[in-house]
Amino acid sequence: MARCFNRQTFDTPGLLMSISRLASFEKARKQLRRRRTDIITRAAASDTNAWQPRRARSRRLYSNKYNLVEAEPEFAEPIQNVTVATGRDAQLSCTVENLGTYRAAWIKVETKAILTIHHHIITRNYRISLSHSDNRNFILQIRNVQAADKGGYMCQINTVPMKSQVGYLDVLVPPDILDQGSSSDVVVREGANVTLTCKAGGYPTPNITWRREDNEPIPLGAWQGQKVTDPNAVTYEGEVLSITRVSRLHTGAYLCIAANGVPPSVSRRIILHVHFPPVLWIPNQLVGAVAGRDVNLDCHTEAYPASINYWGKRANEMIITNDKMQVVTKERTYKTHIRLTIKNLQPADFGVYKCFSKNSLGSTEGSVRLYDRTKEHINTVEDEKGTSEKDSPQLRKEIDEETNSGHPGNHFMWILLFLSLAMFGITT
């Protein structure tokens, strides 16, 4: 065997170095055997409990000197779960004792993506950074937290077997009303049923509240003979707002408000349009005035779509504002108040005036009779209907003259006339 090695190969520096290391290792083994024998002998000659700390200390000294045995790292405390709202910053802390030459890493549990290893950042997510100190504390920092950051984060040590612990990041998301599935402005015919829907996202799940913009009660009507809600209820809870037999009173703006405890709350404005033909009423259908003065004639209408409203003396005549007459219109939702002012009344201005209201669903009209109060023979509305029992002043004067003339027979005849007139009025 010796003949197989030549002199040149035997004298190479690598081989000499290997032989030197082997000799040092054999020397270390002999020293270790002698020291171990010495420890066992001394332990047998005295109390065993008194020597245990020293024996453990001897082992640690040997471990540090020859780097053959290293104490394994341990987690000092569990990772605390963190809850933050979107847009805020979050921190997850991992504390390791006796890390030594081992390495700690942060890993996203759901995606198994490696975020950091020891002091180095691996992920390309610019919002993630690492803070470390004393080779013991490793703090994962996430700036401007998003909903996608929600989940588990693992702090892992590369021991065999691997050691790890997980902390959970919970992300709160403020409410947001979704366009898909939510109602927009609604148009419905009076008497039909209507349903308004509001869908919202967020975490935790948002609560939906309905109310009118004018804070009026929301009468939802009845369903199968039972009241749906209190008729005086101002708010209603739930994604769906159902109204049975909608009327013009339901016309207006409704607010859908979503809230889940994470600011800010959000709302959506939905306008309910109820279509119905015009309805008209006139407060005073008989108006008396004096020539030379101004007089106002009022007319109120309700309609949707918005109606065309005007005053006129005939069906196809429209009074337009001028120096003599003025027309003022005030509108509020589906209600309209139209006032006709006639200035400096003249005899030709007395008569019947009509208020007209028309939309695509129908039309209606109402009339006002304007009379001169200085003329006492003008019949009232009750006279036209035949229900009045009052006598004119001229008739009363003639009766008084006859009754005071001193003729008892005439007096008796006038009494009979009064009775007959009274009976006639009652029968008619």
Protein backbone atom coordinates (compact mmCIF):
# COMPACT_ATOMS: atom_id res chain seq x y z
CA MET A 1 0.00 0.00 0.00
CA ALA A 2 2.86 2.39 0.75
CA ARG A 3 4.08 2.03 -2.84
CA CYS A 4 0.81 3.55 -4.14
CA PHE A 5 1.69 7.05 -2.83
CA ASN A 6 4.44 9.07 -4.36
CA ARG A 7 6.39 11.71 -2.49
CA GLN A 8 4.81 14.65 -4.32
CA THR A 9 1.21 13.69 -3.38
CA PHE A 10 2.08 12.96 0.21
CA ASP A 11 3.65 16.40 0.75
CA THR A 12 0.68 18.47 -0.61
CA PRO A 13 -0.55 21.23 1.77
CA GLY A 14 -4.17 19.92 1.76
CA LEU A 15 -3.17 16.54 3.01
CA LEU A 16 -0.94 17.96 5.69
CA MET A 17 -3.73 20.19 6.89
CA SER A 18 -6.17 17.26 7.08
CA ILE A 19 -3.68 15.26 9.14
CA SER A 20 -3.21 18.23 11.47
CA ARG A 21 -6.98 18.64 11.97
CA LEU A 22 -7.35 14.91 12.62
CA ALA A 23 -4.68 15.05 15.27
CA SER A 24 -6.36 18.02 16.96
CA PHE A 25 -9.70 16.23 16.93
CA GLU A 26 -8.17 13.10 18.52
CA LYS A 27 -6.56 15.26 21.15
CA ALA A 28 -9.91 16.92 21.90
CA ARG A 29 -11.59 13.53 22.24
CA LYS A 30 -9.00 12.39 24.76
CA GLN A 31 -9.42 15.59 26.78
CA LEU A 32 -13.21 15.15 26.75
CA ARG A 33 -12.92 11.53 27.94
CA ARG A 34 -10.60 12.51 30.78
CA ARG A 35 -12.84 15.38 31.87
CA ARG A 36 -15.96 13.22 31.80
CA THR A 37 -14.26 10.55 33.89
CA ASP A 38 -13.19 13.19 36.39
CA ILE A 39 -16.72 14.56 36.70
CA ILE A 40 -18.24 11.12 37.26
CA THR A 41 -15.63 10.29 39.94
CA ARG A 42 -16.17 13.49 41.85
CA ALA A 43 -19.96 13.15 41.64
CA ALA A 44 -19.81 9.68 43.16
CA ALA A 45 -17.77 10.94 46.11
CA SER A 46 -20.24 13.69 47.10
CA ASP A 47 -23.92 14.67 47.03
CA THR A 48 -25.30 14.36 43.50
CA ASN A 49 -27.79 17.25 43.82
CA ALA A 50 -25.06 19.66 44.81
CA TRP A 51 -23.13 18.88 41.59
CA GLN A 52 -25.88 19.10 39.07
CA PRO A 53 -25.55 22.86 38.33
CA ARG A 54 -21.84 22.55 37.96
CA ARG A 55 -22.16 19.53 35.69
CA ALA A 56 -24.59 21.42 33.51
CA ARG A 57 -22.25 24.41 33.55
CA SER A 58 -19.38 22.18 32.52
CA ARG A 59 -21.38 20.91 29.59
CA ARG A 60 -22.20 24.46 28.49
CA LEU A 61 -18.54 25.43 28.72
CA TYR A 62 -17.61 22.48 26.59
CA SER A 63 -20.32 23.35 24.12
CA ASN A 64 -19.11 26.95 23.76
CA LYS A 65 -15.46 25.97 23.48
CA TYR A 66 -15.72 23.27 20.86
CA ASN A 67 -19.01 24.36 19.13
CA LEU A 68 -20.23 20.77 19.11
CA VAL A 69 -23.50 21.19 21.07
CA GLU A 70 -25.73 24.34 20.93
CA ALA A 71 -28.80 25.12 23.09
CA GLU A 72 -31.94 25.30 20.91
CA PRO A 73 -33.88 28.58 20.73
CA GLU A 74 -37.31 28.97 22.29
CA PHE A 75 -40.14 31.47 21.89
CA ALA A 76 -40.29 33.83 24.85
CA GLU A 77 -44.01 34.62 24.48
CA PRO A 78 -46.88 33.95 22.05
CA ILE A 79 -47.63 36.33 19.18
CA GLN A 80 -50.49 38.65 20.08
CA ASN A 81 -53.41 38.87 17.65
CA VAL A 82 -53.95 42.34 16.19
CA THR A 83 -57.13 44.03 14.95
CA VAL A 84 -56.94 47.25 12.89
CA ALA A 85 -59.09 49.15 10.42
CA THR A 86 -58.11 49.51 6.80
CA GLY A 87 -55.65 52.33 6.19
CA ARG A 88 -54.03 51.99 9.62
CA ASP A 89 -50.62 50.43 10.49
CA ALA A 90 -50.18 47.05 12.21
CA GLN A 91 -47.31 45.34 14.07
CA LEU A 92 -46.78 41.66 14.89
CA SER A 93 -44.01 40.89 17.39
CA CYS A 94 -42.01 37.64 17.66
CA THR A 95 -39.57 37.25 20.60
CA VAL A 96 -37.01 34.40 20.58
CA GLU A 97 -34.61 33.34 23.33
CA ASN A 98 -31.18 31.76 22.58
CA LEU A 99 -31.48 32.22 18.83
CA GLY A 100 -27.72 31.89 18.37
CA THR A 101 -26.80 30.93 14.83
CA TYR A 102 -30.36 29.95 13.96
CA ARG A 103 -32.56 32.15 11.81
CA ALA A 104 -36.11 33.47 12.31
CA ALA A 105 -38.49 34.11 9.41
CA TRP A 106 -41.97 35.58 8.87
CA ILE A 107 -44.35 33.70 6.54
CA LYS A 108 -47.93 34.49 5.40
CA VAL A 109 -49.94 31.38 6.33
CA GLU A 110 -52.64 31.50 3.62
CA THR A 111 -50.30 32.11 0.67
CA LYS A 112 -47.17 30.45 2.18
CA ALA A 113 -45.22 33.47 0.96
CA ILE A 114 -41.91 34.16 2.75
CA LEU A 115 -41.91 37.77 3.93
CA THR A 116 -38.62 38.05 5.87
CA ILE A 117 -35.63 35.86 6.82
CA HIS A 118 -33.53 36.99 9.78
CA HIS A 119 -32.76 40.66 9.08
CA HIS A 120 -33.65 40.59 5.38
CA ILE A 121 -36.96 41.43 3.67
CA ILE A 122 -37.88 38.93 0.96
CA THR A 123 -41.31 40.09 -0.15
CA ARG A 124 -41.72 42.76 -2.81
CA ASN A 125 -44.62 44.33 -0.94
CA TYR A 126 -43.34 47.84 -0.20
CA ARG A 127 -45.77 48.20 2.72
CA ILE A 128 -44.02 45.46 4.74
CA SER A 129 -40.90 46.17 6.81
CA LEU A 130 -39.00 44.51 9.68
CA SER A 131 -37.73 45.90 12.95
CA HIS A 132 -35.24 43.79 14.96
CA SER A 133 -33.06 44.19 18.04
CA ASP A 134 -30.56 42.11 20.06
CA ASN A 135 -31.09 39.10 17.79
CA ARG A 136 -34.17 38.50 19.94
CA ASN A 137 -37.11 40.69 18.88
CA PHE A 138 -38.42 40.50 15.31
CA ILE A 139 -41.32 42.91 14.67
CA LEU A 140 -43.20 42.63 11.38
CA GLN A 141 -44.64 46.02 10.37
CA ILE A 142 -47.45 46.47 7.82
CA ARG A 143 -48.26 50.01 6.71
CA ASN A 144 -51.62 51.13 5.27
CA VAL A 145 -53.31 47.81 6.01
CA GLN A 146 -55.67 46.51 3.31
CA ALA A 147 -58.41 43.88 3.44
CA ALA A 148 -56.11 41.43 1.59
CA ASP A 149 -53.64 41.57 4.53
CA LYS A 150 -56.12 39.78 6.77
CA GLY A 151 -54.99 36.31 7.91
CA GLY A 152 -52.34 34.38 9.83
CA TYR A 153 -48.65 35.31 10.09
CA MET A 154 -46.14 32.62 11.15
CA CYS A 155 -42.86 33.27 12.95
CA GLN A 156 -40.62 30.26 12.14
CA ILE A 157 -37.22 29.12 13.43
CA ASN A 158 -35.11 26.78 11.25
CA THR A 159 -34.55 24.12 13.92
CA VAL A 160 -35.00 20.39 13.31
CA PRO A 161 -37.86 19.85 13.69
CA MET A 162 -39.02 23.35 12.82
CA LYS A 163 -40.44 25.56 15.58
CA SER A 164 -43.15 28.11 14.80
CA GLN A 165 -46.05 30.08 16.19
CA VAL A 166 -48.84 32.03 14.47
CA GLY A 167 -50.44 35.43 15.10
CA TYR A 168 -53.63 36.56 13.41
CA LEU A 169 -54.27 39.96 11.82
CA ASP A 170 -57.96 40.92 11.67
CA VAL A 171 -58.80 43.80 9.33
CA LEU A 172 -61.94 45.88 9.89
CA VAL A 173 -63.49 47.29 6.72
CA PRO A 174 -65.88 50.30 6.86
CA PRO A 175 -69.26 49.84 5.15
CA ASP A 176 -69.73 50.46 1.45
CA ILE A 177 -73.06 50.42 -0.40
CA LEU A 178 -72.87 48.21 -3.48
CA ASP A 179 -74.29 49.45 -6.77
CA GLN A 180 -75.05 45.90 -7.86
CA GLY A 181 -78.20 44.71 -6.11
CA SER A 182 -79.17 48.15 -4.74
CA SER A 183 -82.14 50.16 -6.00
CA SER A 184 -81.87 53.42 -7.88
CA ASP A 185 -84.69 55.96 -8.24
CA VAL A 186 -88.07 54.21 -8.58
CA VAL A 187 -91.20 55.24 -10.53
CA VAL A 188 -94.48 53.47 -9.67
CA ARG A 189 -98.20 54.04 -10.25
CA GLU A 190 -100.32 54.89 -7.22
CA GLY A 191 -101.92 51.81 -5.66
CA ALA A 192 -99.17 49.37 -6.68
CA ASN A 193 -96.64 47.64 -4.39
CA VAL A 194 -93.02 48.77 -4.36
CA THR A 195 -89.76 47.30 -2.99
CA LEU A 196 -86.54 49.23 -2.30
CA THR A 197 -83.30 47.26 -1.86
CA CYS A 198 -79.96 48.30 -0.36
CA LYS A 199 -76.88 46.02 -0.39
CA ALA A 200 -73.74 46.88 1.56
CA GLY A 201 -70.32 45.30 2.08
CA GLY A 202 -67.80 45.63 4.90
CA TYR A 203 -66.46 43.76 7.92
CA PRO A 204 -68.20 43.18 10.28
CA THR A 205 -71.38 42.85 8.21
CA PRO A 206 -73.10 46.28 8.16
CA ASN A 207 -76.60 46.93 9.50
CA ILE A 208 -79.01 48.67 7.10
CA THR A 209 -81.42 51.39 8.32
CA TRP A 210 -84.06 53.14 6.21
CA ARG A 211 -85.56 56.57 6.86
CA ARG A 212 -87.13 59.38 4.90
CA GLU A 213 -85.04 62.42 4.14
CA ASP A 214 -87.73 64.67 5.63
CA ASN A 215 -87.90 62.46 8.78
CA GLU A 216 -91.58 61.72 8.18
CA PRO A 217 -92.98 58.30 9.26
CA ILE A 218 -92.78 55.41 6.78
CA PRO A 219 -96.24 53.79 6.54
CA LEU A 220 -95.53 50.44 4.91
CA GLY A 221 -99.20 49.49 4.60
CA ALA A 222 -100.73 46.08 5.36
CA TRP A 223 -100.00 42.60 4.10
CA GLN A 224 -102.65 39.89 4.33
CA GLY A 225 -104.62 41.99 6.79
CA GLN A 226 -101.75 42.58 9.18
CA LYS A 227 -99.83 45.79 9.73
CA VAL A 228 -96.23 45.53 8.62
CA THR A 229 -94.86 48.20 10.97
CA ASP A 230 -95.96 50.93 13.31
CA PRO A 231 -97.55 53.62 11.10
CA ASN A 232 -95.61 56.24 13.06
CA ALA A 233 -92.24 54.50 12.68
CA VAL A 234 -89.58 56.87 11.37
CA THR A 235 -86.92 54.19 10.69
CA TYR A 236 -86.97 50.63 9.41
CA GLU A 237 -84.25 47.97 9.72
CA GLY A 238 -83.27 45.56 6.95
CA GLU A 239 -81.88 45.41 3.42
CA VAL A 240 -85.36 45.42 1.82
CA LEU A 241 -88.03 48.09 2.32
CA SER A 242 -91.44 46.91 1.02
CA ILE A 243 -94.44 49.26 0.77
CA THR A 244 -97.92 47.89 0.10
CA ARG A 245 -100.40 49.93 -1.97
CA VAL A 246 -98.16 52.94 -2.38
CA SER A 247 -99.82 56.36 -2.37
CA ARG A 248 -98.77 59.91 -3.15
CA LEU A 249 -97.89 60.31 0.53
CA HIS A 250 -94.94 57.97 -0.03
CA THR A 251 -93.44 60.28 -2.66
CA GLY A 252 -90.01 61.60 -1.66
CA ALA A 253 -86.38 60.75 -0.96
CA TYR A 254 -85.44 57.71 1.15
CA LEU A 255 -82.04 57.25 2.79
CA CYS A 256 -80.40 53.83 3.06
CA ILE A 257 -77.79 54.05 5.87
CA ALA A 258 -75.13 51.34 6.36
CA ALA A 259 -73.11 51.14 9.61
CA ASN A 260 -70.96 48.45 11.26
CA GLY A 261 -69.13 50.34 13.99
CA VAL A 262 -66.16 51.17 11.74
CA PRO A 263 -66.28 54.85 10.73
CA PRO A 264 -67.46 56.34 8.55
CA SER A 265 -71.07 55.26 8.01
CA VAL A 266 -72.36 55.67 4.45
CA SER A 267 -75.78 56.37 2.95
CA ARG A 268 -77.53 56.22 -0.40
CA ARG A 269 -80.39 58.48 -1.54
CA ILE A 270 -83.22 56.80 -3.42
CA ILE A 271 -86.14 58.88 -4.71
CA LEU A 272 -89.58 57.27 -4.97
CA HIS A 273 -91.83 58.84 -7.63
CA VAL A 274 -95.53 57.94 -7.43
CA HIS A 275 -97.56 58.65 -10.59
CA PHE A 276 -101.20 59.74 -10.29
CA PRO A 277 -103.63 61.99 -12.24
CA PRO A 278 -104.29 65.59 -11.11
CA VAL A 279 -106.47 66.34 -8.09
CA LEU A 280 -107.70 69.91 -7.61
CA TRP A 281 -109.51 71.83 -4.89
CA ILE A 282 -110.40 75.50 -4.41
CA PRO A 283 -110.70 76.87 -0.85
CA ASN A 284 -113.28 79.55 -1.74
CA GLN A 285 -115.59 78.91 -4.66
CA LEU A 286 -117.55 82.14 -4.09
CA VAL A 287 -115.57 85.35 -3.61
CA GLY A 288 -117.10 88.78 -3.10
CA ALA A 289 -115.12 91.94 -3.79
CA VAL A 290 -115.57 95.68 -4.26
CA ALA A 291 -114.77 97.46 -7.47
CA GLY A 292 -111.52 99.41 -7.46
CA ARG A 293 -109.72 97.00 -5.15
CA ASP A 294 -107.46 93.92 -5.66
CA VAL A 295 -108.66 90.35 -5.11
CA ASN A 296 -106.87 86.95 -4.86
CA LEU A 297 -108.23 83.66 -6.21
CA ASP A 298 -106.48 80.49 -4.94
CA CYS A 299 -106.26 77.02 -6.47
CA HIS A 300 -104.41 73.93 -5.13
CA THR A 301 -103.44 70.91 -7.22
CA GLU A 302 -101.66 67.57 -6.69
CA ALA A 303 -100.26 65.56 -9.59
CA TYR A 304 -97.25 63.56 -10.76
CA PRO A 305 -95.78 63.80 -13.31
CA ALA A 306 -95.92 67.53 -12.80
CA SER A 307 -99.12 69.00 -14.23
CA ILE A 308 -99.75 72.10 -16.32
CA ASN A 309 -101.74 74.51 -14.17
CA TYR A 310 -103.35 77.75 -15.28
CA TRP A 311 -106.29 80.13 -14.78
CA GLY A 312 -108.80 81.08 -17.47
CA LYS A 313 -112.36 82.20 -18.07
CA ARG A 314 -112.97 79.57 -20.73
CA ALA A 315 -111.67 76.08 -21.45
CA ASN A 316 -109.03 77.02 -24.01
CA GLU A 317 -108.11 80.39 -22.53
CA MET A 318 -105.03 80.93 -20.35
CA ILE A 319 -104.54 84.04 -18.26
CA ILE A 320 -100.98 85.33 -18.56
CA THR A 321 -99.38 87.75 -16.10
CA ASN A 322 -99.76 91.36 -17.20
CA ASP A 323 -100.44 94.80 -15.72
CA LYS A 324 -104.01 93.83 -14.89
CA MET A 325 -103.60 90.23 -13.68
CA GLN A 326 -100.77 88.36 -11.99
CA VAL A 327 -100.34 84.57 -11.73
CA VAL A 328 -97.96 83.20 -9.05
CA THR A 329 -97.17 79.49 -8.79
CA LYS A 330 -95.52 77.72 -5.81
CA GLU A 331 -94.47 74.07 -6.14
CA ARG A 332 -93.56 71.58 -3.41
CA THR A 333 -92.94 67.96 -4.44
CA TYR A 334 -96.18 66.90 -6.13
CA LYS A 335 -98.22 69.83 -4.73
CA THR A 336 -98.81 73.14 -6.49
CA HIS A 337 -100.45 76.37 -5.30
CA ILE A 338 -101.49 78.72 -8.10
CA ARG A 339 -102.82 82.19 -7.17
CA LEU A 340 -104.53 84.65 -9.50
CA THR A 341 -104.42 88.32 -8.43
CA ILE A 342 -106.78 90.74 -10.19
CA LYS A 343 -105.81 94.38 -9.69
CA ASN A 344 -108.17 97.40 -9.62
CA LEU A 345 -111.40 95.47 -10.12
CA GLN A 346 -113.79 96.77 -12.76
CA PRO A 347 -117.38 95.66 -13.52
CA ALA A 348 -116.12 93.65 -16.50
CA ASP A 349 -113.81 91.62 -14.22
CA PHE A 350 -116.65 90.00 -12.28
CA GLY A 351 -117.74 86.54 -13.32
CA VAL A 352 -116.59 82.93 -13.26
CA TYR A 353 -112.88 82.01 -13.32
CA LYS A 354 -111.67 78.44 -13.86
CA CYS A 355 -108.52 76.67 -12.65
CA PHE A 356 -107.21 73.92 -14.94
CA SER A 357 -104.72 71.09 -14.19
CA LYS A 358 -103.48 68.54 -16.76
CA ASN A 359 -100.79 65.87 -16.98
CA SER A 360 -100.20 62.70 -19.01
CA LEU A 361 -102.53 60.68 -16.76
CA GLY A 362 -105.58 62.96 -16.83
CA SER A 363 -107.01 66.43 -16.28
CA THR A 364 -109.41 68.27 -13.97
CA GLU A 365 -110.76 71.76 -13.37
CA GLY A 366 -112.47 73.88 -10.71
CA SER A 367 -114.27 77.25 -10.79
CA VAL A 368 -114.57 80.38 -8.65
CA ARG A 369 -117.44 82.89 -8.91
CA LEU A 370 -116.30 86.46 -8.36
CA TYR A 371 -119.21 88.87 -7.59
CA ASP A 372 -119.66 92.51 -6.68
CA ARG A 373 -120.53 92.86 -2.99
CA THR A 374 -122.08 96.28 -3.51
CA LYS A 375 -125.02 94.74 -5.38
CA GLU A 376 -127.25 93.18 -2.70
CA HIS A 377 -129.48 91.26 -5.10
CA ILE A 378 -126.67 88.87 -5.98
CA ASN A 379 -127.80 85.37 -5.10
CA THR A 380 -125.58 83.28 -2.87
CA VAL A 381 -124.55 79.68 -3.53
CA GLU A 382 -127.28 78.54 -1.15
CA ASP A 383 -129.90 80.44 -3.18
CA GLU A 384 -128.73 78.68 -6.36
CA LYS A 385 -129.13 75.30 -4.68
CA GLY A 386 -132.62 76.23 -3.35
CA THR A 387 -131.66 75.63 0.28
CA SER A 388 -131.66 79.17 1.64
CA GLU A 389 -134.50 80.36 3.88
CA LYS A 390 -133.41 84.01 4.02
CA ASP A 391 -135.43 86.90 2.55
CA SER A 392 -133.94 89.72 0.51
CA PRO A 393 -133.83 93.20 2.17
CA GLN A 394 -136.28 94.62 -0.38
CA LEU A 395 -138.84 91.91 0.42
CA ARG A 396 -138.47 92.54 4.16
CA LYS A 397 -139.06 96.28 3.58
CA GLU A 398 -142.33 95.67 1.66
CA ILE A 399 -143.57 93.26 4.33
CA ASP A 400 -142.88 95.79 7.08
CA GLU A 401 -144.78 98.54 5.23
CA GLU A 402 -147.82 96.33 4.77
CA THR A 403 -147.86 95.02 8.36
CA ASN A 404 -147.59 98.53 9.79
CA SER A 405 -150.39 100.06 7.63
CA GLY A 406 -153.05 99.38 10.33
CA HIS A 407 -155.14 96.89 8.40
CA PRO A 408 -155.63 93.76 10.54
CA GLY A 409 -156.72 91.76 7.57
CA ASN A 410 -153.53 92.52 5.71
CA HIS A 411 -151.54 91.62 8.81
CA PHE A 412 -153.22 88.23 9.00
CA MET A 413 -152.61 87.63 5.30
CA TRP A 414 -148.91 88.37 5.65
CA ILE A 415 -148.66 85.89 8.52
CA LEU A 416 -150.17 83.23 6.30
CA LEU A 417 -147.72 84.23 3.56
CA PHE A 418 -144.76 83.80 5.93
CA LEU A 419 -145.96 80.38 6.99
CA SER A 420 -146.46 79.24 3.42
CA LEU A 421 -143.00 80.47 2.44
CA ALA A 422 -141.48 78.64 5.41
CA MET A 423 -143.28 75.43 4.52
CA PHE A 424 -142.20 75.75 0.91
CA GLY A 425 -138.58 76.18 1.94
CA ILE A 426 -138.74 73.09 4.17
CA THR A 427 -140.30 70.89 1.47
CA THR A 428 -137.80 71.98 -1.15
